[in-house]
Amino acid sequence: MVFRWLGLRTFEVWLTGRLLASPTFHRLVARVHQKVQHMKHGVPPEELSGRGTHADDHGSSLKQFFGYFKEEIKDQMKGKPPNKF
């Protein structure tokens, strides 16, 4: 009985060592940690700036902007209050 316990304990130690040596395990833990930190504290500005901006979509974003701009001008001419986001 003691031999079986020692065998299981040895297997557990070996398996734990393999898991802790695995880069995949560490990447998984880092991603989970990052998601928890973002949920608790929000995304830091450094990471937001690293993702890039929507300035790459010049054509579609300019069309959208001018579309919204025209709508706002029309609404103001009609006397409607401005939209609050």
PDB file of N, CA and C in Angstrom:
ATOM      1  N   MET A   1       0.824  -1.195   0.000  1.00  0.00           N
ATOM      2  CA  MET A   1       0.000   0.000   0.000  1.00  0.00           C
ATOM      3  C   MET A   1       0.869   1.260   0.000  1.00  0.00           C
ATOM      4  N   VAL A   2       1.928   1.258   0.798  1.00  0.00           N
ATOM      5  CA  VAL A   2       2.827   2.400   0.858  1.00  0.00           C
ATOM      6  C   VAL A   2       3.532   2.574  -0.484  1.00  0.00           C
ATOM      7  N   PHE A   3       3.897   1.459  -1.136  1.00  0.00           N
ATOM      8  CA  PHE A   3       4.564   1.524  -2.426  1.00  0.00           C
ATOM      9  C   PHE A   3       3.658   2.182  -3.472  1.00  0.00           C
ATOM     10  N   ARG A   4       2.363   1.842  -3.436  1.00  0.00           N
ATOM     11  CA  ARG A   4       1.428   2.436  -4.385  1.00  0.00           C
ATOM     12  C   ARG A   4       1.301   3.940  -4.156  1.00  0.00           C
ATOM     13  N   TRP A   5       1.283   4.362  -2.894  1.00  0.00           N
ATOM     14  CA  TRP A   5       1.200   5.787  -2.579  1.00  0.00           C
ATOM     15  C   TRP A   5       2.447   6.511  -3.078  1.00  0.00           C
ATOM     16  N   LEU A   6       3.621   5.891  -2.873  1.00  0.00           N
ATOM     17  CA  LEU A   6       4.865   6.511  -3.336  1.00  0.00           C
ATOM     18  C   LEU A   6       4.904   6.575  -4.857  1.00  0.00           C
ATOM     19  N   GLY A   7       4.373   5.566  -5.523  1.00  0.00           N
ATOM     20  CA  GLY A   7       4.327   5.569  -6.977  1.00  0.00           C
ATOM     21  C   GLY A   7       3.435   6.678  -7.499  1.00  0.00           C
ATOM     22  N   LEU A   8       2.272   6.863  -6.878  1.00  0.00           N
ATOM     23  CA  LEU A   8       1.361   7.942  -7.279  1.00  0.00           C
ATOM     24  C   LEU A   8       1.973   9.303  -6.996  1.00  0.00           C
ATOM     25  N   ARG A   9       2.639   9.429  -5.864  1.00  0.00           N
ATOM     26  CA  ARG A   9       3.267  10.699  -5.507  1.00  0.00           C
ATOM     27  C   ARG A   9       4.391  11.031  -6.494  1.00  0.00           C
ATOM     28  N   THR A  10       5.174  10.037  -6.873  1.00  0.00           N
ATOM     29  CA  THR A  10       6.262  10.244  -7.831  1.00  0.00           C
ATOM     30  C   THR A  10       5.687  10.671  -9.182  1.00  0.00           C
ATOM     31  N   PHE A  11       4.623  10.007  -9.607  1.00  0.00           N
ATOM     32  CA  PHE A  11       3.971  10.359 -10.867  1.00  0.00           C
ATOM     33  C   PHE A  11       3.428  11.791 -10.810  1.00  0.00           C
ATOM     34  N   GLU A  12       2.852  12.168  -9.665  1.00  0.00           N
ATOM     35  CA  GLU A  12       2.317  13.531  -9.501  1.00  0.00           C
ATOM     36  C   GLU A  12       3.441  14.569  -9.594  1.00  0.00           C
ATOM     37  N   VAL A  13       4.566  14.300  -8.957  1.00  0.00           N
ATOM     38  CA  VAL A  13       5.703  15.219  -8.992  1.00  0.00           C
ATOM     39  C   VAL A  13       6.238  15.337 -10.420  1.00  0.00           C
ATOM     40  N   TRP A  14       6.364  14.222 -11.120  1.00  0.00           N
ATOM     41  CA  TRP A  14       6.842  14.242 -12.509  1.00  0.00           C
ATOM     42  C   TRP A  14       5.894  15.031 -13.402  1.00  0.00           C
ATOM     43  N   LEU A  15       4.577  14.764 -13.242  1.00  0.00           N
ATOM     44  CA  LEU A  15       3.581  15.438 -14.069  1.00  0.00           C
ATOM     45  C   LEU A  15       3.559  16.943 -13.787  1.00  0.00           C
ATOM     46  N   THR A  16       3.676  17.335 -12.535  1.00  0.00           N
ATOM     47  CA  THR A  16       3.717  18.751 -12.170  1.00  0.00           C
ATOM     48  C   THR A  16       4.946  19.427 -12.765  1.00  0.00           C
ATOM     49  N   GLY A  17       6.074  18.745 -12.723  1.00  0.00           N
ATOM     50  CA  GLY A  17       7.300  19.292 -13.308  1.00  0.00           C
ATOM     51  C   GLY A  17       7.168  19.494 -14.803  1.00  0.00           C
ATOM     52  N   ARG A  18       6.566  18.544 -15.483  1.00  0.00           N
ATOM     53  CA  ARG A  18       6.359  18.678 -16.940  1.00  0.00           C
ATOM     54  C   ARG A  18       5.433  19.857 -17.244  1.00  0.00           C
ATOM     55  N   LEU A  19       4.364  19.980 -16.463  1.00  0.00           N
ATOM     56  CA  LEU A  19       3.411  21.065 -16.685  1.00  0.00           C
ATOM     57  C   LEU A  19       4.065  22.421 -16.473  1.00  0.00           C
ATOM     58  N   LEU A  20       4.822  22.568 -15.394  1.00  0.00           N
ATOM     59  CA  LEU A  20       5.465  23.847 -15.098  1.00  0.00           C
ATOM     60  C   LEU A  20       6.593  24.172 -16.074  1.00  0.00           C
ATOM     61  N   ALA A  21       7.138  23.187 -16.747  1.00  0.00           N
ATOM     62  CA  ALA A  21       8.193  23.435 -17.732  1.00  0.00           C
ATOM     63  C   ALA A  21       7.618  23.746 -19.110  1.00  0.00           C
ATOM     64  N   SER A  22       6.325  23.600 -19.274  1.00  0.00           N
ATOM     65  CA  SER A  22       5.705  23.768 -20.582  1.00  0.00           C
ATOM     66  C   SER A  22       5.458  25.241 -20.907  1.00  0.00           C
ATOM     67  N   PRO A  23       5.965  25.745 -22.056  1.00  0.00           N
ATOM     68  CA  PRO A  23       5.699  27.128 -22.450  1.00  0.00           C
ATOM     69  C   PRO A  23       4.216  27.365 -22.762  1.00  0.00           C
ATOM     70  N   THR A  24       3.543  26.344 -23.256  1.00  0.00           N
ATOM     71  CA  THR A  24       2.108  26.470 -23.554  1.00  0.00           C
ATOM     72  C   THR A  24       1.326  26.747 -22.281  1.00  0.00           C
ATOM     73  N   PHE A  25       1.665  26.047 -21.203  1.00  0.00           N
ATOM     74  CA  PHE A  25       0.997  26.270 -19.922  1.00  0.00           C
ATOM     75  C   PHE A  25       1.209  27.708 -19.449  1.00  0.00           C
ATOM     76  N   HIS A  26       2.436  28.211 -19.591  1.00  0.00           N
ATOM     77  CA  HIS A  26       2.730  29.575 -19.138  1.00  0.00           C
ATOM     78  C   HIS A  26       2.003  30.619 -19.985  1.00  0.00           C
ATOM     79  N   ARG A  27       1.884  30.389 -21.302  1.00  0.00           N
ATOM     80  CA  ARG A  27       1.119  31.309 -22.147  1.00  0.00           C
ATOM     81  C   ARG A  27      -0.349  31.325 -21.741  1.00  0.00           C
ATOM     82  N   LEU A  28      -0.900  30.140 -21.436  1.00  0.00           N
ATOM     83  CA  LEU A  28      -2.293  30.052 -21.010  1.00  0.00           C
ATOM     84  C   LEU A  28      -2.512  30.816 -19.708  1.00  0.00           C
ATOM     85  N   VAL A  29      -1.618  30.621 -18.754  1.00  0.00           N
ATOM     86  CA  VAL A  29      -1.736  31.318 -17.474  1.00  0.00           C
ATOM     87  C   VAL A  29      -1.601  32.828 -17.672  1.00  0.00           C
ATOM     88  N   ALA A  30      -0.694  33.261 -18.542  1.00  0.00           N
ATOM     89  CA  ALA A  30      -0.510  34.690 -18.800  1.00  0.00           C
ATOM     90  C   ALA A  30      -1.762  35.298 -19.427  1.00  0.00           C
ATOM     91  N   ARG A  31      -2.390  34.580 -20.371  1.00  0.00           N
ATOM     92  CA  ARG A  31      -3.621  35.096 -20.990  1.00  0.00           C
ATOM     93  C   ARG A  31      -4.752  35.218 -19.974  1.00  0.00           C
ATOM     94  N   VAL A  32      -4.896  34.197 -19.129  1.00  0.00           N
ATOM     95  CA  VAL A  32      -5.946  34.249 -18.104  1.00  0.00           C
ATOM     96  C   VAL A  32      -5.680  35.414 -17.160  1.00  0.00           C
ATOM     97  N   HIS A  33      -4.427  35.590 -16.744  1.00  0.00           N
ATOM     98  CA  HIS A  33      -4.071  36.698 -15.854  1.00  0.00           C
ATOM     99  C   HIS A  33      -4.378  38.044 -16.502  1.00  0.00           C
ATOM    100  N   GLN A  34      -4.024  38.185 -17.794  1.00  0.00           N
ATOM    101  CA  GLN A  34      -4.269  39.438 -18.498  1.00  0.00           C
ATOM    102  C   GLN A  34      -5.773  39.728 -18.583  1.00  0.00           C
ATOM    103  N   LYS A  35      -6.575  38.722 -18.881  1.00  0.00           N
ATOM    104  CA  LYS A  35      -8.025  38.932 -18.975  1.00  0.00           C
ATOM    105  C   LYS A  35      -8.614  39.331 -17.630  1.00  0.00           C
ATOM    106  N   VAL A  36      -8.140  38.700 -16.556  1.00  0.00           N
ATOM    107  CA  VAL A  36      -8.630  39.050 -15.218  1.00  0.00           C
ATOM    108  C   VAL A  36      -8.241  40.485 -14.880  1.00  0.00           C
ATOM    109  N   GLN A  37      -7.004  40.873 -15.177  1.00  0.00           N
ATOM    110  CA  GLN A  37      -6.561  42.242 -14.906  1.00  0.00           C
ATOM    111  C   GLN A  37      -7.361  43.257 -15.718  1.00  0.00           C
ATOM    112  N   HIS A  38      -7.662  42.936 -16.984  1.00  0.00           N
ATOM    113  CA  HIS A  38      -8.455  43.846 -17.810  1.00  0.00           C
ATOM    114  C   HIS A  38      -9.871  43.968 -17.271  1.00  0.00           C
ATOM    115  N   MET A  39     -10.421  42.871 -16.760  1.00  0.00           N
ATOM    116  CA  MET A  39     -11.777  42.937 -16.204  1.00  0.00           C
ATOM    117  C   MET A  39     -11.797  43.765 -14.918  1.00  0.00           C
ATOM    118  N   LYS A  40     -10.756  43.641 -14.114  1.00  0.00           N
ATOM    119  CA  LYS A  40     -10.704  44.364 -12.845  1.00  0.00           C
ATOM    120  C   LYS A  40     -10.369  45.837 -13.026  1.00  0.00           C
ATOM    121  N   HIS A  41      -9.386  46.129 -13.888  1.00  0.00           N
ATOM    122  CA  HIS A  41      -8.837  47.485 -13.961  1.00  0.00           C
ATOM    123  C   HIS A  41      -9.019  48.174 -15.312  1.00  0.00           C
ATOM    124  N   GLY A  42      -9.559  47.482 -16.285  1.00  0.00           N
ATOM    125  CA  GLY A  42      -9.691  48.061 -17.623  1.00  0.00           C
ATOM    126  C   GLY A  42      -8.411  47.852 -18.422  1.00  0.00           C
ATOM    127  N   VAL A  43      -8.487  48.139 -19.695  1.00  0.00           N
ATOM    128  CA  VAL A  43      -7.335  47.966 -20.575  1.00  0.00           C
ATOM    129  C   VAL A  43      -6.444  49.193 -20.454  1.00  0.00           C
ATOM    130  N   PRO A  44      -5.141  48.996 -20.172  1.00  0.00           N
ATOM    131  CA  PRO A  44      -4.249  50.142 -20.042  1.00  0.00           C
ATOM    132  C   PRO A  44      -4.046  50.851 -21.384  1.00  0.00           C
ATOM    133  N   PRO A  45      -3.814  52.162 -21.348  1.00  0.00           N
ATOM    134  CA  PRO A  45      -3.653  52.936 -22.578  1.00  0.00           C
ATOM    135  C   PRO A  45      -2.501  52.452 -23.456  1.00  0.00           C
ATOM    136  N   GLU A  46      -1.434  51.886 -22.843  1.00  0.00           N
ATOM    137  CA  GLU A  46      -0.310  51.397 -23.645  1.00  0.00           C
ATOM    138  C   GLU A  46      -0.767  50.286 -24.583  1.00  0.00           C
ATOM    139  N   GLU A  47      -1.635  49.418 -24.089  1.00  0.00           N
ATOM    140  CA  GLU A  47      -2.108  48.315 -24.917  1.00  0.00           C
ATOM    141  C   GLU A  47      -3.090  48.802 -25.973  1.00  0.00           C
ATOM    142  N   LEU A  48      -3.855  49.815 -25.645  1.00  0.00           N
ATOM    143  CA  LEU A  48      -4.793  50.342 -26.628  1.00  0.00           C
ATOM    144  C   LEU A  48      -4.052  50.972 -27.795  1.00  0.00           C
ATOM    145  N   SER A  49      -2.975  51.690 -27.509  1.00  0.00           N
ATOM    146  CA  SER A  49      -2.229  52.333 -28.586  1.00  0.00           C
ATOM    147  C   SER A  49      -1.502  51.304 -29.431  1.00  0.00           C
ATOM    148  N   GLY A  50      -1.171  50.174 -28.871  1.00  0.00           N
ATOM    149  CA  GLY A  50      -0.492  49.128 -29.624  1.00  0.00           C
ATOM    150  C   GLY A  50      -1.409  48.423 -30.602  1.00  0.00           C
ATOM    151  N   ARG A  51      -2.687  48.465 -30.384  1.00  0.00           N
ATOM    152  CA  ARG A  51      -3.630  47.791 -31.269  1.00  0.00           C
ATOM    153  C   ARG A  51      -3.828  48.544 -32.567  1.00  0.00           C
ATOM    154  N   GLY A  52      -3.395  49.770 -32.629  1.00  0.00           N
ATOM    155  CA  GLY A  52      -3.590  50.566 -33.837  1.00  0.00           C
ATOM    156  C   GLY A  52      -4.887  51.329 -33.767  1.00  0.00           C
ATOM    157  N   THR A  53      -5.043  52.208 -34.721  1.00  0.00           N
ATOM    158  CA  THR A  53      -6.263  53.002 -34.781  1.00  0.00           C
ATOM    159  C   THR A  53      -7.034  52.636 -36.023  1.00  0.00           C
ATOM    160  N   HIS A  54      -8.164  53.220 -36.164  1.00  0.00           N
ATOM    161  CA  HIS A  54      -8.973  52.977 -37.336  1.00  0.00           C
ATOM    162  C   HIS A  54      -8.597  53.949 -38.460  1.00  0.00           C
ATOM    163  N   ALA A  55      -7.452  54.594 -38.324  1.00  0.00           N
ATOM    164  CA  ALA A  55      -7.010  55.528 -39.353  1.00  0.00           C
ATOM    165  C   ALA A  55      -6.628  54.793 -40.630  1.00  0.00           C
ATOM    166  N   ASP A  56      -6.414  53.479 -40.526  1.00  0.00           N
ATOM    167  CA  ASP A  56      -6.086  52.694 -41.709  1.00  0.00           C
ATOM    168  C   ASP A  56      -7.268  52.601 -42.664  1.00  0.00           C
ATOM    169  N   ASP A  57      -8.473  52.735 -42.146  1.00  0.00           N
ATOM    170  CA  ASP A  57      -9.679  52.650 -42.951  1.00  0.00           C
ATOM    171  C   ASP A  57     -10.113  54.049 -43.376  1.00  0.00           C
ATOM    172  N   HIS A  58      -9.265  54.770 -44.077  1.00  0.00           N
ATOM    173  CA  HIS A  58      -9.551  56.160 -44.428  1.00  0.00           C
ATOM    174  C   HIS A  58     -10.850  56.297 -45.201  1.00  0.00           C
ATOM    175  N   GLY A  59     -11.039  55.498 -46.222  1.00  0.00           N
ATOM    176  CA  GLY A  59     -12.205  55.658 -47.080  1.00  0.00           C
ATOM    177  C   GLY A  59     -13.504  55.459 -46.337  1.00  0.00           C
ATOM    178  N   SER A  60     -13.653  54.343 -45.639  1.00  0.00           N
ATOM    179  CA  SER A  60     -14.925  54.045 -44.986  1.00  0.00           C
ATOM    180  C   SER A  60     -15.165  54.946 -43.774  1.00  0.00           C
ATOM    181  N   SER A  61     -14.098  55.262 -43.021  1.00  0.00           N
ATOM    182  CA  SER A  61     -14.294  56.092 -41.841  1.00  0.00           C
ATOM    183  C   SER A  61     -14.647  57.530 -42.225  1.00  0.00           C
ATOM    184  N   LEU A  62     -14.046  58.021 -43.304  1.00  0.00           N
ATOM    185  CA  LEU A  62     -14.390  59.375 -43.744  1.00  0.00           C
ATOM    186  C   LEU A  62     -15.837  59.423 -44.247  1.00  0.00           C
ATOM    187  N   LYS A  63     -16.258  58.391 -44.960  1.00  0.00           N
ATOM    188  CA  LYS A  63     -17.649  58.333 -45.420  1.00  0.00           C
ATOM    189  C   LYS A  63     -18.594  58.323 -44.232  1.00  0.00           C
ATOM    190  N   GLN A  64     -18.253  57.501 -43.240  1.00  0.00           N
ATOM    191  CA  GLN A  64     -19.094  57.438 -42.036  1.00  0.00           C
ATOM    192  C   GLN A  64     -19.145  58.793 -41.345  1.00  0.00           C
ATOM    193  N   PHE A  65     -17.991  59.420 -41.185  1.00  0.00           N
ATOM    194  CA  PHE A  65     -17.948  60.712 -40.519  1.00  0.00           C
ATOM    195  C   PHE A  65     -18.820  61.725 -41.232  1.00  0.00           C
ATOM    196  N   PHE A  66     -18.660  61.823 -42.561  1.00  0.00           N
ATOM    197  CA  PHE A  66     -19.444  62.809 -43.294  1.00  0.00           C
ATOM    198  C   PHE A  66     -20.932  62.461 -43.283  1.00  0.00           C
ATOM    199  N   GLY A  67     -21.256  61.171 -43.255  1.00  0.00           N
ATOM    200  CA  GLY A  67     -22.656  60.768 -43.138  1.00  0.00           C
ATOM    201  C   GLY A  67     -23.252  61.240 -41.815  1.00  0.00           C
ATOM    202  N   TYR A  68     -22.526  61.003 -40.722  1.00  0.00           N
ATOM    203  CA  TYR A  68     -22.991  61.467 -39.405  1.00  0.00           C
ATOM    204  C   TYR A  68     -23.052  62.990 -39.345  1.00  0.00           C
ATOM    205  N   PHE A  69     -22.050  63.621 -39.947  1.00  0.00           N
ATOM    206  CA  PHE A  69     -21.998  65.074 -39.942  1.00  0.00           C
ATOM    207  C   PHE A  69     -23.224  65.656 -40.659  1.00  0.00           C
ATOM    208  N   LYS A  70     -23.542  65.094 -41.835  1.00  0.00           N
ATOM    209  CA  LYS A  70     -24.711  65.572 -42.580  1.00  0.00           C
ATOM    210  C   LYS A  70     -25.994  65.357 -41.783  1.00  0.00           C
ATOM    211  N   GLU A  71     -26.117  64.199 -41.125  1.00  0.00           N
ATOM    212  CA  GLU A  71     -27.306  63.930 -40.302  1.00  0.00           C
ATOM    213  C   GLU A  71     -27.439  64.963 -39.191  1.00  0.00           C
ATOM    214  N   GLU A  72     -26.324  65.258 -38.521  1.00  0.00           N
ATOM    215  CA  GLU A  72     -26.360  66.225 -37.425  1.00  0.00           C
ATOM    216  C   GLU A  72     -26.758  67.612 -37.929  1.00  0.00           C
ATOM    217  N   ILE A  73     -26.217  68.022 -39.063  1.00  0.00           N
ATOM    218  CA  ILE A  73     -26.564  69.337 -39.625  1.00  0.00           C
ATOM    219  C   ILE A  73     -28.055  69.375 -39.959  1.00  0.00           C
ATOM    220  N   LYS A  74     -28.553  68.310 -40.584  1.00  0.00           N
ATOM    221  CA  LYS A  74     -29.980  68.257 -40.929  1.00  0.00           C
ATOM    222  C   LYS A  74     -30.847  68.335 -39.671  1.00  0.00           C
ATOM    223  N   ASP A  75     -30.443  67.564 -38.631  1.00  0.00           N
ATOM    224  CA  ASP A  75     -31.215  67.575 -37.384  1.00  0.00           C
ATOM    225  C   ASP A  75     -31.201  68.961 -36.738  1.00  0.00           C
ATOM    226  N   GLN A  76     -30.056  69.623 -36.786  1.00  0.00           N
ATOM    227  CA  GLN A  76     -29.970  70.957 -36.200  1.00  0.00           C
ATOM    228  C   GLN A  76     -30.829  71.950 -36.970  1.00  0.00           C
ATOM    229  N   MET A  77     -30.890  71.789 -38.300  1.00  0.00           N
ATOM    230  CA  MET A  77     -31.723  72.678 -39.114  1.00  0.00           C
ATOM    231  C   MET A  77     -33.208  72.470 -38.794  1.00  0.00           C
ATOM    232  N   LYS A  78     -33.562  71.228 -38.448  1.00  0.00           N
ATOM    233  CA  LYS A  78     -34.951  70.920 -38.114  1.00  0.00           C
ATOM    234  C   LYS A  78     -35.276  71.307 -36.676  1.00  0.00           C
ATOM    235  N   GLY A  79     -34.258  71.586 -35.871  1.00  0.00           N
ATOM    236  CA  GLY A  79     -34.478  71.982 -34.481  1.00  0.00           C
ATOM    237  C   GLY A  79     -34.467  70.811 -33.501  1.00  0.00           C
ATOM    238  N   LYS A  80     -34.021  69.646 -33.940  1.00  0.00           N
ATOM    239  CA  LYS A  80     -33.928  68.480 -33.045  1.00  0.00           C
ATOM    240  C   LYS A  80     -32.727  68.629 -32.119  1.00  0.00           C
ATOM    241  N   PRO A  81     -32.840  68.107 -30.886  1.00  0.00           N
ATOM    242  CA  PRO A  81     -31.697  68.171 -29.990  1.00  0.00           C
ATOM    243  C   PRO A  81     -30.596  67.204 -30.483  1.00  0.00           C
ATOM    244  N   PRO A  82     -29.351  67.487 -30.151  1.00  0.00           N
ATOM    245  CA  PRO A  82     -28.248  66.614 -30.589  1.00  0.00           C
ATOM    246  C   PRO A  82     -28.343  65.242 -29.915  1.00  0.00           C
ATOM    247  N   ASN A  83     -27.845  64.213 -30.602  1.00  0.00           N
ATOM    248  CA  ASN A  83     -27.811  62.859 -30.051  1.00  0.00           C
ATOM    249  C   ASN A  83     -26.733  62.754 -28.991  1.00  0.00           C
ATOM    250  N   LYS A  84     -27.075  62.108 -27.898  1.00  0.00           N
ATOM    251  CA  LYS A  84     -26.087  61.843 -26.826  1.00  0.00           C
ATOM    252  C   LYS A  84     -25.694  60.390 -26.928  1.00  0.00           C
ATOM    253  N   PHE A  85     -24.378  60.119 -26.902  1.00  0.00           N
ATOM    254  CA  PHE A  85     -23.906  58.745 -27.011  1.00  0.00           C
ATOM    255  C   PHE A  85     -23.821  58.114 -25.683  1.00  0.00           C
TER     256      PHE A  85
END
